Amino acid sequence: MNDLILLEEPVEALRQIQSYFPNIPEALRKAQTLFERIQSFEDVETYLLRGAGLSTNTYRSYITAVKQLYDFTRGLNPLQITPGHIEAYYDSTVKRVDRNTAYLRIRGLKRFFSGVAKIVPGYISPFTVMEERLTKKLNWTKKGNRTKKALNKGEARELLAWLQEDQTVKGKANYAIILMLLTSGLRAAELCQLHRKDLECEEGETWTASFIGKGGREASQEIYALALVEAGEYFRAQFKRIPEKEDYLFYSLSAYPGDQPRPMTPHRLWVRIKQIGEAVRNAGIIKRDLNFSPHLFRRSFATLLYKSGMKIKAIQEKTRHANIDVLVKHYIHDEEPASPYFERLLER
């Protein structure tokens, strides 16, 4: 990537800049160091995307967007990218792919520049200074219902019963993970960060987990007691003793006996659930074509509560969605037929 150009002359002008904006020289030096370290797009993944809780496909789409922008701008340094560059890249992209794919590319760039802003003090992402016109243009997607499918009650029961049959350490882990996701609605990154010390039992009945949620905000979530019991069973089956400071709720399975246990990461969780999905399809447990991911169980959590009669406002609180419209449109999957209602209505 192109080297940054640091002004050295005139000295007086630089001194004045430092007096008014003391963070700028340090920001430039830190940026220079960062981009000297980033020698390949594998490094871009490591520094700015890895560990963000992305699905395999989303992860691939995001890094593709960064590579394409780099090629499109002929290797322009990311700190020199402006909203105009991004709009030109977008216009070029929509000529080759559909609007939804182009939208995902823009989301990837937004995540990338957000990562740069966290590392480089004083840096402002081009997405932060965009005009409203351009922001709306980049967020345009195809019309239609974007609600994705969720497990119904029967499928959830069959899946859990099938997973529970495997009493190996990995089987116990799979059952505990799926039960926890299905009954809590936690996101991948939220589940992976949980320590046992983050769990509290209120009034001897309700368990609550505290963690850092989406957007870096402190959050809490009710945890189903049976899910904690199963997490404990898996924990005891895999580990004899783990230091308290490393006492996470879930760990990746080690390929070699005696290896230091490693906490489960969001990326590894995505891979594990994809593997479960493949096994489920091969076993014929669930007949529908469902995309297995941590978010499938978050959608199923909301849908099953809704179908069980929980009020929509309560579901909004449990999923921590600020907007009920987003919850209903994108998370609650309901294809209930109308015929039974008319049969009851018109029966004599």
Protein backbone atom coordinates (compact mmCIF):
# COMPACT_ATOMS: atom_id res chain seq x y z
CA MET A 1 0.00 0.00 0.00
CA ASN A 2 1.19 3.51 -0.72
CA ASP A 3 3.36 5.17 1.88
CA LEU A 4 1.87 8.05 3.84
CA ILE A 5 3.32 11.46 3.08
CA LEU A 6 4.26 13.25 6.31
CA LEU A 7 4.75 16.99 5.97
CA GLU A 8 8.15 18.17 7.08
CA GLU A 9 8.19 21.65 5.47
CA PRO A 10 7.39 24.24 6.38
CA VAL A 11 8.22 23.50 10.01
CA GLU A 12 6.19 26.46 11.24
CA ALA A 13 3.04 25.23 9.49
CA LEU A 14 3.45 21.80 11.08
CA ARG A 15 4.00 23.41 14.49
CA GLN A 16 0.74 25.32 14.13
CA ILE A 17 -1.13 22.18 13.10
CA GLN A 18 0.23 20.41 16.19
CA SER A 19 -0.85 23.27 18.43
CA TYR A 20 -4.43 23.18 17.14
CA PHE A 21 -4.72 19.42 16.53
CA PRO A 22 -2.22 17.66 18.84
CA ASN A 23 -3.52 14.17 17.95
CA ILE A 24 -2.92 14.40 14.21
CA PRO A 25 0.87 13.74 14.12
CA GLU A 26 0.45 10.80 16.49
CA ALA A 27 -2.47 9.52 14.40
CA LEU A 28 -0.37 9.67 11.23
CA ARG A 29 2.55 7.91 12.87
CA LYS A 30 0.28 5.17 14.18
CA ALA A 31 -1.38 4.85 10.77
CA GLN A 32 2.02 4.61 9.11
CA THR A 33 3.01 1.82 11.49
CA LEU A 34 -0.28 0.02 10.94
CA PHE A 35 -0.06 0.03 7.16
CA GLU A 36 3.59 -0.99 7.25
CA ARG A 37 2.46 -4.06 9.18
CA ILE A 38 -0.33 -4.76 6.70
CA GLN A 39 1.62 -6.38 3.89
CA SER A 40 -1.19 -8.56 2.53
CA PHE A 41 -4.93 -9.01 2.67
CA GLU A 42 -4.45 -11.83 5.15
CA ASP A 43 -3.11 -9.10 7.45
CA VAL A 44 -6.16 -6.93 6.73
CA GLU A 45 -8.28 -9.83 7.96
CA THR A 46 -6.16 -10.26 11.08
CA TYR A 47 -6.08 -6.61 12.11
CA LEU A 48 -9.48 -5.33 11.03
CA LEU A 49 -12.00 -8.12 10.42
CA ARG A 50 -11.07 -11.34 12.21
CA GLY A 51 -12.92 -12.14 15.43
CA ALA A 52 -15.89 -9.89 14.58
CA GLY A 53 -18.43 -12.70 14.77
CA LEU A 54 -19.04 -12.84 11.01
CA SER A 55 -20.42 -15.85 9.19
CA THR A 56 -18.13 -17.60 6.73
CA ASN A 57 -19.95 -16.14 3.71
CA THR A 58 -20.18 -12.63 5.17
CA TYR A 59 -16.51 -12.76 6.13
CA ARG A 60 -15.58 -13.72 2.57
CA SER A 61 -17.83 -11.00 1.12
CA TYR A 62 -16.33 -8.30 3.35
CA ILE A 63 -12.71 -9.10 2.55
CA THR A 64 -13.62 -9.26 -1.15
CA ALA A 65 -14.99 -5.72 -0.90
CA VAL A 66 -11.73 -4.45 0.62
CA LYS A 67 -9.68 -6.13 -2.11
CA GLN A 68 -11.92 -4.76 -4.87
CA LEU A 69 -11.76 -1.20 -3.52
CA TYR A 70 -7.97 -1.44 -3.31
CA ASP A 71 -7.78 -2.57 -6.94
CA PHE A 72 -10.38 -0.03 -8.07
CA THR A 73 -8.43 2.89 -6.55
CA ARG A 74 -5.13 1.48 -7.87
CA GLY A 75 -3.69 0.86 -4.44
CA LEU A 76 -4.74 4.12 -2.80
CA ASN A 77 -3.93 4.21 0.91
CA PRO A 78 -7.11 3.63 2.97
CA LEU A 79 -6.56 6.91 4.84
CA GLN A 80 -6.86 8.75 1.53
CA ILE A 81 -10.18 7.17 0.54
CA THR A 82 -13.07 9.67 0.31
CA PRO A 83 -16.85 9.23 -0.03
CA GLY A 84 -16.36 9.99 -3.74
CA HIS A 85 -14.07 6.98 -4.16
CA ILE A 86 -16.63 4.76 -2.44
CA GLU A 87 -19.49 6.04 -4.60
CA ALA A 88 -17.46 5.44 -7.78
CA TYR A 89 -16.62 1.92 -6.58
CA TYR A 90 -20.31 1.28 -5.82
CA ASP A 91 -21.41 2.51 -9.26
CA SER A 92 -18.89 0.16 -10.84
CA THR A 93 -19.99 -2.76 -8.64
CA VAL A 94 -23.75 -2.54 -9.39
CA LYS A 95 -22.97 -2.97 -13.09
CA ARG A 96 -21.61 -6.44 -12.33
CA VAL A 97 -23.71 -7.74 -9.40
CA ASP A 98 -27.24 -7.28 -8.04
CA ARG A 99 -28.13 -4.54 -5.56
CA ASN A 100 -28.17 -6.81 -2.52
CA THR A 101 -24.65 -8.06 -3.23
CA ALA A 102 -23.45 -4.49 -3.77
CA TYR A 103 -25.06 -3.56 -0.45
CA LEU A 104 -23.07 -6.32 1.28
CA ARG A 105 -19.87 -5.01 -0.29
CA ILE A 106 -20.59 -1.56 1.14
CA ARG A 107 -21.27 -3.07 4.57
CA GLY A 108 -17.89 -4.76 4.37
CA LEU A 109 -16.17 -1.47 3.58
CA LYS A 110 -18.02 0.23 6.41
CA ARG A 111 -16.80 -2.45 8.84
CA PHE A 112 -13.27 -2.12 7.45
CA PHE A 113 -13.09 1.67 7.88
CA SER A 114 -14.68 1.38 11.30
CA GLY A 115 -11.81 -0.95 12.23
CA VAL A 116 -9.30 1.60 10.96
CA ALA A 117 -10.95 4.30 13.09
CA LYS A 118 -10.58 2.16 16.21
CA ILE A 119 -6.86 1.69 15.59
CA VAL A 120 -5.85 5.12 14.29
CA PRO A 121 -6.52 8.00 16.74
CA GLY A 122 -8.14 11.02 15.12
CA TYR A 123 -9.07 9.17 11.91
CA ILE A 124 -12.62 9.71 10.61
CA SER A 125 -14.22 7.08 8.39
CA PRO A 126 -15.49 8.32 5.01
CA PHE A 127 -18.84 6.82 5.96
CA THR A 128 -19.06 9.23 8.89
CA VAL A 129 -18.87 12.33 6.67
CA MET A 130 -21.06 11.11 3.81
CA GLU A 131 -23.96 13.22 2.57
CA GLU A 132 -27.42 11.84 3.31
CA ARG A 133 -28.01 11.39 -0.44
CA LEU A 134 -25.05 9.05 -0.77
CA THR A 135 -25.87 7.16 2.42
CA LYS A 136 -29.36 6.37 1.10
CA LYS A 137 -27.95 5.37 -2.27
CA LEU A 138 -25.48 2.90 -0.75
CA ASN A 139 -28.15 1.38 1.50
CA TRP A 140 -30.61 0.68 -1.33
CA THR A 141 -31.56 -2.98 -1.66
CA LYS A 142 -34.15 -4.98 -3.52
CA LYS A 143 -37.66 -4.68 -2.21
CA GLY A 144 -39.41 -7.60 -0.63
CA ASN A 145 -39.75 -9.56 2.58
CA ARG A 146 -36.28 -10.25 3.91
CA THR A 147 -37.40 -12.35 6.85
CA LYS A 148 -35.33 -15.53 6.92
CA LYS A 149 -36.60 -18.89 8.03
CA ALA A 150 -36.59 -20.10 11.61
CA LEU A 151 -37.04 -23.47 13.29
CA ASN A 152 -40.60 -24.37 14.25
CA LYS A 153 -41.40 -26.08 17.56
CA GLY A 154 -41.32 -29.60 16.14
CA GLU A 155 -38.00 -29.06 14.37
CA ALA A 156 -36.44 -27.54 17.49
CA ARG A 157 -37.49 -30.54 19.59
CA GLU A 158 -36.27 -33.08 17.02
CA LEU A 159 -32.93 -31.30 16.65
CA LEU A 160 -32.31 -31.16 20.40
CA ALA A 161 -33.34 -34.80 20.88
CA TRP A 162 -30.99 -35.88 18.08
CA LEU A 163 -28.07 -33.85 19.46
CA GLN A 164 -28.62 -35.23 22.97
CA GLU A 165 -28.05 -38.78 21.73
CA ASP A 166 -24.34 -38.05 21.19
CA GLN A 167 -22.71 -38.41 24.62
CA THR A 168 -19.15 -37.74 23.47
CA VAL A 169 -17.46 -34.54 24.65
CA LYS A 170 -18.11 -32.92 21.29
CA GLY A 171 -21.70 -34.13 21.34
CA LYS A 172 -22.27 -32.63 24.80
CA ALA A 173 -20.72 -29.38 23.59
CA ASN A 174 -22.94 -29.24 20.50
CA TYR A 175 -26.09 -29.89 22.52
CA ALA A 176 -25.16 -27.28 25.14
CA ILE A 177 -24.31 -24.63 22.52
CA ILE A 178 -27.51 -25.11 20.50
CA LEU A 179 -29.71 -25.22 23.60
CA MET A 180 -28.09 -22.03 24.90
CA LEU A 181 -28.50 -20.16 21.60
CA LEU A 182 -32.06 -21.38 21.08
CA THR A 183 -33.24 -20.40 24.58
CA SER A 184 -31.33 -17.12 24.97
CA GLY A 185 -31.25 -15.47 21.55
CA LEU A 186 -27.63 -14.46 22.12
CA ARG A 187 -25.48 -13.39 19.19
CA ALA A 188 -22.33 -15.38 18.41
CA ALA A 189 -19.95 -12.78 19.86
CA GLU A 190 -22.11 -12.44 22.98
CA LEU A 191 -22.10 -16.17 23.68
CA CYS A 192 -18.36 -16.54 23.15
CA GLN A 193 -17.40 -13.80 25.61
CA LEU A 194 -19.38 -15.23 28.54
CA HIS A 195 -17.51 -16.20 31.70
CA ARG A 196 -19.13 -18.05 34.55
CA LYS A 197 -18.61 -15.01 36.72
CA ASP A 198 -20.90 -13.09 34.32
CA LEU A 199 -23.86 -15.21 35.45
CA GLU A 200 -26.09 -14.31 38.39
CA CYS A 201 -29.16 -15.95 39.84
CA GLU A 202 -31.84 -13.45 40.85
CA GLU A 203 -34.22 -14.40 43.66
CA GLY A 204 -33.09 -18.01 43.46
CA GLU A 205 -34.95 -18.61 40.17
CA THR A 206 -33.93 -16.54 37.15
CA TRP A 207 -30.40 -16.60 35.76
CA THR A 208 -29.04 -13.50 34.02
CA ALA A 209 -25.87 -13.06 31.97
CA SER A 210 -24.08 -9.70 31.68
CA PHE A 211 -21.88 -8.93 28.67
CA ILE A 212 -20.95 -6.35 26.02
CA GLY A 213 -23.58 -6.41 23.30
CA LYS A 214 -23.89 -5.00 19.80
CA GLY A 215 -22.43 -1.54 19.38
CA GLY A 216 -20.16 -1.96 22.42
CA ARG A 217 -23.05 -1.39 24.85
CA GLU A 218 -23.39 -3.16 28.19
CA ALA A 219 -26.24 -5.65 28.06
CA SER A 220 -27.86 -8.48 30.00
CA GLN A 221 -29.97 -11.45 29.02
CA GLU A 222 -32.09 -14.03 30.81
CA ILE A 223 -30.55 -17.50 30.56
CA TYR A 224 -32.61 -20.68 30.65
CA ALA A 225 -31.52 -22.69 33.70
CA LEU A 226 -31.45 -26.05 31.86
CA ALA A 227 -29.08 -24.57 29.28
CA LEU A 228 -26.65 -23.72 32.09
CA VAL A 229 -26.94 -27.26 33.48
CA GLU A 230 -26.04 -28.71 30.08
CA ALA A 231 -23.17 -26.23 29.68
CA GLY A 232 -21.87 -27.44 33.04
CA GLU A 233 -22.13 -31.09 31.97
CA TYR A 234 -20.09 -30.37 28.85
CA PHE A 235 -17.58 -28.34 30.87
CA ARG A 236 -16.98 -31.13 33.38
CA ALA A 237 -16.69 -33.71 30.59
CA GLN A 238 -13.89 -31.78 28.87
CA PHE A 239 -11.92 -30.12 31.66
CA LYS A 240 -10.79 -31.14 35.11
CA ARG A 241 -9.71 -27.66 36.14
CA ILE A 242 -9.41 -24.27 34.44
CA PRO A 243 -8.10 -21.10 36.14
CA GLU A 244 -10.91 -18.79 37.22
CA LYS A 245 -9.71 -15.94 34.97
CA GLU A 246 -10.08 -18.29 31.98
CA ASP A 247 -13.37 -19.78 33.11
CA TYR A 248 -15.35 -19.19 29.92
CA LEU A 249 -18.68 -20.86 29.33
CA PHE A 250 -17.59 -22.49 26.07
CA TYR A 251 -14.26 -23.60 24.63
CA SER A 252 -13.03 -24.90 21.29
CA LEU A 253 -12.23 -28.60 21.36
CA SER A 254 -8.51 -29.27 21.28
CA ALA A 255 -7.18 -31.72 18.72
CA TYR A 256 -4.37 -32.81 21.04
CA PRO A 257 -4.63 -34.07 24.63
CA GLY A 258 -2.95 -31.79 27.13
CA ASP A 259 -3.22 -28.65 25.00
CA GLN A 260 -4.17 -25.43 26.75
CA PRO A 261 -7.94 -24.95 26.27
CA ARG A 262 -8.86 -22.03 24.03
CA PRO A 263 -12.08 -20.03 24.45
CA MET A 264 -14.63 -20.46 21.69
CA THR A 265 -14.37 -17.67 19.09
CA PRO A 266 -17.28 -16.33 16.98
CA HIS A 267 -15.67 -17.58 13.79
CA ARG A 268 -15.12 -21.04 15.24
CA LEU A 269 -18.72 -21.07 16.49
CA TRP A 270 -19.97 -20.36 12.97
CA VAL A 271 -17.89 -23.26 11.65
CA ARG A 272 -19.16 -25.61 14.39
CA ILE A 273 -22.81 -24.80 13.66
CA LYS A 274 -22.27 -25.21 9.92
CA GLN A 275 -20.92 -28.68 10.67
CA ILE A 276 -23.98 -29.44 12.80
CA GLY A 277 -26.21 -28.29 9.94
CA GLU A 278 -24.49 -30.62 7.48
CA ALA A 279 -24.84 -33.54 9.89
CA VAL A 280 -28.52 -32.73 10.43
CA ARG A 281 -29.20 -32.70 6.69
CA ASN A 282 -27.31 -35.96 6.15
CA ALA A 283 -29.30 -37.60 8.95
CA GLY A 284 -32.62 -36.33 7.58
CA ILE A 285 -33.58 -34.78 10.92
CA ILE A 286 -34.90 -31.54 9.39
CA LYS A 287 -36.43 -31.75 5.92
CA ARG A 288 -36.51 -28.03 5.06
CA ASP A 289 -33.52 -26.25 3.54
CA LEU A 290 -32.35 -24.08 6.44
CA ASN A 291 -29.15 -22.05 6.59
CA PHE A 292 -27.52 -23.19 9.85
CA SER A 293 -25.80 -20.30 11.64
CA PRO A 294 -25.87 -18.76 15.13
CA HIS A 295 -28.44 -16.26 13.82
CA LEU A 296 -30.81 -19.08 12.82
CA PHE A 297 -31.24 -19.79 16.52
CA ARG A 298 -31.65 -16.09 17.37
CA ARG A 299 -34.50 -15.91 14.83
CA SER A 300 -35.91 -19.18 16.14
CA PHE A 301 -35.76 -17.83 19.70
CA ALA A 302 -37.92 -14.84 18.72
CA THR A 303 -40.26 -16.88 16.51
CA LEU A 304 -40.88 -19.65 19.07
CA LEU A 305 -41.62 -17.14 21.82
CA TYR A 306 -44.04 -15.32 19.51
CA LYS A 307 -45.79 -18.54 18.46
CA SER A 308 -46.02 -19.58 22.12
CA GLY A 309 -47.98 -16.43 22.96
CA MET A 310 -45.39 -14.06 24.39
CA LYS A 311 -46.29 -10.42 23.74
CA ILE A 312 -44.28 -8.68 21.03
CA LYS A 313 -43.10 -5.97 23.43
CA ALA A 314 -41.65 -8.63 25.75
CA ILE A 315 -39.90 -10.30 22.80
CA GLN A 316 -38.44 -6.93 21.85
CA GLU A 317 -36.95 -6.64 25.35
CA LYS A 318 -35.54 -10.17 25.21
CA THR A 319 -33.91 -9.66 21.80
CA ARG A 320 -32.77 -6.12 22.71
CA HIS A 321 -34.08 -4.62 19.49
CA ALA A 322 -34.68 -0.86 19.60
CA ASN A 323 -37.21 -1.06 16.76
CA ILE A 324 -40.20 -3.43 16.84
CA ASP A 325 -40.58 -3.11 13.06
CA VAL A 326 -37.08 -4.57 12.56
CA LEU A 327 -37.90 -7.40 14.94
CA VAL A 328 -41.16 -8.30 13.17
CA LYS A 329 -39.83 -7.91 9.62
CA HIS A 330 -36.47 -9.64 9.94
CA TYR A 331 -36.64 -12.01 12.92
CA ILE A 332 -40.12 -13.45 13.37
CA HIS A 333 -40.90 -16.05 10.72
CA ASP A 334 -44.60 -16.90 10.62
CA GLU A 335 -46.24 -18.79 7.75
CA GLU A 336 -49.29 -19.89 9.70
CA PRO A 337 -52.18 -20.90 7.37
CA ALA A 338 -55.50 -19.05 7.56
CA SER A 339 -57.78 -22.06 6.94
CA PRO A 340 -58.00 -23.26 10.58
CA TYR A 341 -59.15 -19.80 11.66
CA PHE A 342 -61.93 -19.76 9.07
CA GLU A 343 -62.98 -23.29 10.05
CA ARG A 344 -63.45 -22.14 13.64
CA LEU A 345 -65.10 -18.92 12.54
CA LEU A 346 -67.63 -20.58 10.21
CA GLU A 347 -68.32 -23.77 12.14
CA ARG A 348 -71.97 -24.32 13.08
